[in-house]
Amino acid sequence: MRISDMKRGEGARVAALPADAARSRFLCSLGLVPGAEIEVVFRARFGAVVRASGVRVAMSRAALDEVEVRSVAKDFSVRQSQFGQKYAV
């Protein structure tokens, strides 16, 4: 599954990045490293806003198609603030 297939609010883990070394380095600098948890925060015509490693990143549709993810069950009893701190709901 790719990030472009995810719905708003859905969580997943990064499984694989593109083979192009420069593109992979760029995505890693945004926090999209293999194993990182991500969440689609907002969907739009241009692409989506994704939360990765506690940081919100706006990504184009082309970039969303490059990153493979695997879905994970999300625990709704624990949330994370915009500053990366976890708290119980």
N, C-alpha and C. Protein backbone atom coordinates (compact mmCIF):
# COMPACT_ATOMS: atom_id res chain seq x y z
N MET A 1 0.85 -1.17 0.00
CA MET A 1 0.00 0.00 0.00
C MET A 1 0.90 1.24 0.00
N ARG A 2 0.45 2.28 -0.64
CA ARG A 2 1.18 3.55 -0.70
C ARG A 2 0.46 4.60 0.16
N ILE A 3 1.18 5.68 0.48
CA ILE A 3 0.56 6.74 1.27
C ILE A 3 -0.64 7.33 0.52
N SER A 4 -0.57 7.37 -0.78
CA SER A 4 -1.67 7.94 -1.58
C SER A 4 -2.95 7.12 -1.43
N ASP A 5 -2.86 5.86 -0.98
CA ASP A 5 -4.03 5.01 -0.79
C ASP A 5 -4.67 5.19 0.58
N MET A 6 -4.01 5.90 1.47
CA MET A 6 -4.50 6.06 2.84
C MET A 6 -5.59 7.13 2.92
N LYS A 7 -6.46 6.98 3.91
CA LYS A 7 -7.52 7.96 4.15
C LYS A 7 -7.10 8.89 5.29
N ARG A 8 -7.81 9.98 5.42
CA ARG A 8 -7.54 10.95 6.48
C ARG A 8 -7.70 10.28 7.85
N GLY A 9 -6.72 10.50 8.74
CA GLY A 9 -6.76 9.93 10.07
C GLY A 9 -6.20 8.53 10.18
N GLU A 10 -5.91 7.92 9.06
CA GLU A 10 -5.39 6.55 9.07
C GLU A 10 -3.89 6.55 9.39
N GLY A 11 -3.47 5.59 10.20
CA GLY A 11 -2.07 5.48 10.58
C GLY A 11 -1.40 4.30 9.89
N ALA A 12 -0.08 4.40 9.72
CA ALA A 12 0.68 3.32 9.08
C ALA A 12 2.15 3.48 9.44
N ARG A 13 2.95 2.49 9.05
CA ARG A 13 4.40 2.55 9.21
C ARG A 13 5.05 2.53 7.83
N VAL A 14 6.12 3.30 7.69
CA VAL A 14 6.84 3.34 6.42
C VAL A 14 7.53 1.99 6.22
N ALA A 15 7.27 1.36 5.07
CA ALA A 15 7.85 0.05 4.77
C ALA A 15 9.04 0.18 3.83
N ALA A 16 8.94 1.03 2.81
CA ALA A 16 10.02 1.15 1.83
C ALA A 16 10.02 2.53 1.19
N LEU A 17 11.20 2.99 0.82
CA LEU A 17 11.38 4.27 0.14
C LEU A 17 11.80 4.01 -1.31
N PRO A 18 11.79 5.04 -2.16
CA PRO A 18 12.19 4.84 -3.55
C PRO A 18 13.65 4.41 -3.67
N ALA A 19 13.98 3.77 -4.78
CA ALA A 19 15.34 3.29 -5.01
C ALA A 19 16.31 4.42 -5.31
N ASP A 20 15.81 5.55 -5.81
CA ASP A 20 16.66 6.70 -6.11
C ASP A 20 17.26 7.25 -4.82
N ALA A 21 18.59 7.26 -4.73
CA ALA A 21 19.29 7.64 -3.50
C ALA A 21 18.99 9.08 -3.08
N ALA A 22 18.98 9.99 -4.03
CA ALA A 22 18.74 11.40 -3.71
C ALA A 22 17.32 11.59 -3.17
N ARG A 23 16.36 10.93 -3.80
CA ARG A 23 14.96 11.05 -3.36
C ARG A 23 14.78 10.43 -1.98
N SER A 24 15.42 9.30 -1.73
CA SER A 24 15.35 8.65 -0.42
C SER A 24 15.94 9.52 0.67
N ARG A 25 17.07 10.16 0.39
CA ARG A 25 17.68 11.06 1.38
C ARG A 25 16.76 12.23 1.70
N PHE A 26 16.11 12.77 0.66
CA PHE A 26 15.19 13.89 0.87
C PHE A 26 14.03 13.46 1.75
N LEU A 27 13.43 12.32 1.47
CA LEU A 27 12.30 11.84 2.26
C LEU A 27 12.73 11.51 3.69
N CYS A 28 13.93 10.98 3.87
CA CYS A 28 14.45 10.70 5.22
C CYS A 28 14.63 12.00 6.00
N SER A 29 15.04 13.07 5.32
CA SER A 29 15.23 14.35 6.01
C SER A 29 13.89 14.93 6.49
N LEU A 30 12.79 14.49 5.89
CA LEU A 30 11.46 14.92 6.31
C LEU A 30 10.90 14.06 7.43
N GLY A 31 11.62 13.01 7.81
CA GLY A 31 11.16 12.12 8.87
C GLY A 31 10.53 10.85 8.38
N LEU A 32 10.51 10.65 7.07
CA LEU A 32 9.93 9.43 6.51
C LEU A 32 11.01 8.36 6.37
N VAL A 33 11.37 7.77 7.48
CA VAL A 33 12.38 6.71 7.49
C VAL A 33 11.66 5.37 7.66
N PRO A 34 12.23 4.29 7.16
CA PRO A 34 11.59 2.99 7.31
C PRO A 34 11.32 2.68 8.79
N GLY A 35 10.09 2.27 9.08
CA GLY A 35 9.67 1.96 10.44
C GLY A 35 8.99 3.11 11.16
N ALA A 36 9.07 4.31 10.61
CA ALA A 36 8.45 5.48 11.26
C ALA A 36 6.93 5.41 11.13
N GLU A 37 6.24 5.80 12.21
CA GLU A 37 4.78 5.87 12.17
C GLU A 37 4.36 7.16 11.51
N ILE A 38 3.37 7.06 10.62
CA ILE A 38 2.85 8.24 9.95
C ILE A 38 1.34 8.26 10.06
N GLU A 39 0.77 9.43 9.84
CA GLU A 39 -0.68 9.60 9.85
C GLU A 39 -1.05 10.66 8.83
N VAL A 40 -2.09 10.40 8.05
CA VAL A 40 -2.58 11.40 7.10
C VAL A 40 -3.45 12.38 7.87
N VAL A 41 -3.03 13.65 7.90
CA VAL A 41 -3.73 14.68 8.65
C VAL A 41 -4.77 15.38 7.79
N PHE A 42 -4.46 15.59 6.52
CA PHE A 42 -5.32 16.38 5.63
C PHE A 42 -5.12 15.90 4.20
N ARG A 43 -6.20 15.77 3.45
CA ARG A 43 -6.12 15.39 2.03
C ARG A 43 -6.58 16.58 1.19
N ALA A 44 -5.92 16.80 0.07
CA ALA A 44 -6.29 17.89 -0.83
C ALA A 44 -5.99 17.49 -2.27
N ARG A 45 -6.32 18.38 -3.20
CA ARG A 45 -6.06 18.07 -4.61
C ARG A 45 -4.57 17.93 -4.90
N PHE A 46 -3.74 18.73 -4.22
CA PHE A 46 -2.30 18.71 -4.48
C PHE A 46 -1.63 17.46 -3.92
N GLY A 47 -2.24 16.84 -2.92
CA GLY A 47 -1.64 15.68 -2.27
C GLY A 47 -2.20 15.53 -0.87
N ALA A 48 -1.32 15.63 0.13
CA ALA A 48 -1.77 15.46 1.50
C ALA A 48 -0.77 16.06 2.48
N VAL A 49 -1.25 16.31 3.70
CA VAL A 49 -0.39 16.68 4.80
C VAL A 49 -0.26 15.44 5.67
N VAL A 50 0.98 15.03 5.93
CA VAL A 50 1.25 13.80 6.65
C VAL A 50 2.04 14.14 7.91
N ARG A 51 1.69 13.52 9.03
CA ARG A 51 2.47 13.67 10.26
C ARG A 51 3.43 12.49 10.33
N ALA A 52 4.72 12.80 10.32
CA ALA A 52 5.76 11.77 10.39
C ALA A 52 6.77 12.18 11.45
N SER A 53 7.02 11.32 12.40
CA SER A 53 7.97 11.59 13.48
C SER A 53 7.64 12.88 14.22
N GLY A 54 6.34 13.16 14.39
CA GLY A 54 5.90 14.34 15.12
C GLY A 54 5.91 15.64 14.33
N VAL A 55 6.24 15.58 13.05
CA VAL A 55 6.32 16.77 12.21
C VAL A 55 5.30 16.66 11.08
N ARG A 56 4.59 17.74 10.81
CA ARG A 56 3.64 17.75 9.69
C ARG A 56 4.38 18.14 8.40
N VAL A 57 4.15 17.35 7.37
CA VAL A 57 4.84 17.55 6.10
C VAL A 57 3.79 17.56 4.98
N ALA A 58 3.80 18.61 4.14
CA ALA A 58 2.94 18.65 2.97
C ALA A 58 3.65 17.92 1.83
N MET A 59 2.96 16.95 1.24
CA MET A 59 3.57 16.14 0.19
C MET A 59 2.73 16.18 -1.08
N SER A 60 3.40 16.19 -2.21
CA SER A 60 2.71 16.17 -3.50
C SER A 60 2.19 14.76 -3.78
N ARG A 61 1.31 14.65 -4.76
CA ARG A 61 0.78 13.33 -5.12
C ARG A 61 1.90 12.40 -5.59
N ALA A 62 2.87 12.95 -6.33
CA ALA A 62 3.98 12.13 -6.81
C ALA A 62 4.78 11.56 -5.65
N ALA A 63 5.03 12.38 -4.63
CA ALA A 63 5.78 11.91 -3.45
C ALA A 63 4.98 10.87 -2.68
N LEU A 64 3.66 11.05 -2.60
CA LEU A 64 2.81 10.08 -1.90
C LEU A 64 2.85 8.72 -2.57
N ASP A 65 2.99 8.71 -3.88
CA ASP A 65 3.04 7.45 -4.63
C ASP A 65 4.37 6.72 -4.48
N GLU A 66 5.41 7.42 -4.04
CA GLU A 66 6.74 6.82 -3.95
C GLU A 66 6.97 6.03 -2.67
N VAL A 67 6.24 6.33 -1.61
CA VAL A 67 6.50 5.73 -0.30
C VAL A 67 5.51 4.59 -0.03
N GLU A 68 6.06 3.40 0.21
CA GLU A 68 5.23 2.25 0.55
C GLU A 68 5.08 2.17 2.06
N VAL A 69 3.87 1.84 2.51
CA VAL A 69 3.59 1.74 3.94
C VAL A 69 2.85 0.44 4.22
N ARG A 70 2.83 0.05 5.49
CA ARG A 70 1.99 -1.07 5.94
C ARG A 70 1.12 -0.54 7.06
N SER A 71 -0.14 -0.93 7.04
CA SER A 71 -1.08 -0.39 8.02
C SER A 71 -0.84 -1.02 9.39
N VAL A 72 -1.15 -0.24 10.40
CA VAL A 72 -1.04 -0.69 11.79
C VAL A 72 -2.31 -0.31 12.52
N ALA A 73 -2.64 -1.07 13.55
CA ALA A 73 -3.80 -0.73 14.37
C ALA A 73 -3.43 0.47 15.23
N LYS A 74 -4.27 1.47 15.22
CA LYS A 74 -3.99 2.70 15.97
C LYS A 74 -4.69 2.64 17.31
N ASP A 75 -3.97 2.98 18.36
CA ASP A 75 -4.51 3.01 19.71
C ASP A 75 -5.10 4.40 19.95
N PHE A 76 -6.43 4.48 20.06
CA PHE A 76 -7.08 5.77 20.20
C PHE A 76 -7.12 6.26 21.64
N SER A 77 -6.68 5.44 22.60
CA SER A 77 -6.69 5.88 23.98
C SER A 77 -5.49 6.77 24.31
N VAL A 78 -4.49 6.76 23.44
CA VAL A 78 -3.31 7.60 23.64
C VAL A 78 -3.15 8.50 22.42
N ARG A 79 -3.06 9.79 22.65
CA ARG A 79 -2.88 10.76 21.56
C ARG A 79 -1.54 11.45 21.72
N GLN A 80 -1.12 12.11 20.67
CA GLN A 80 0.16 12.82 20.70
C GLN A 80 -0.09 14.29 20.37
N SER A 81 0.49 15.19 21.17
CA SER A 81 0.32 16.61 20.93
C SER A 81 1.20 17.04 19.76
N GLN A 82 1.02 18.27 19.31
CA GLN A 82 1.81 18.77 18.19
C GLN A 82 3.28 18.89 18.54
N PHE A 83 3.62 18.83 19.83
CA PHE A 83 4.99 18.93 20.27
C PHE A 83 5.61 17.56 20.52
N GLY A 84 4.89 16.48 20.21
CA GLY A 84 5.41 15.14 20.33
C GLY A 84 5.17 14.48 21.68
N GLN A 85 4.46 15.14 22.58
CA GLN A 85 4.19 14.55 23.90
C GLN A 85 2.93 13.71 23.84
N LYS A 86 2.97 12.52 24.44
CA LYS A 86 1.81 11.64 24.44
C LYS A 86 1.00 11.87 25.71
N TYR A 87 -0.33 11.75 25.57
CA TYR A 87 -1.21 11.91 26.71
C TYR A 87 -2.43 11.01 26.53
N ALA A 88 -3.04 10.61 27.64
CA ALA A 88 -4.20 9.73 27.62
C ALA A 88 -5.46 10.54 27.36
N VAL A 89 -6.39 9.92 26.64
CA VAL A 89 -7.66 10.58 26.32
C VAL A 89 -8.76 9.99 27.16
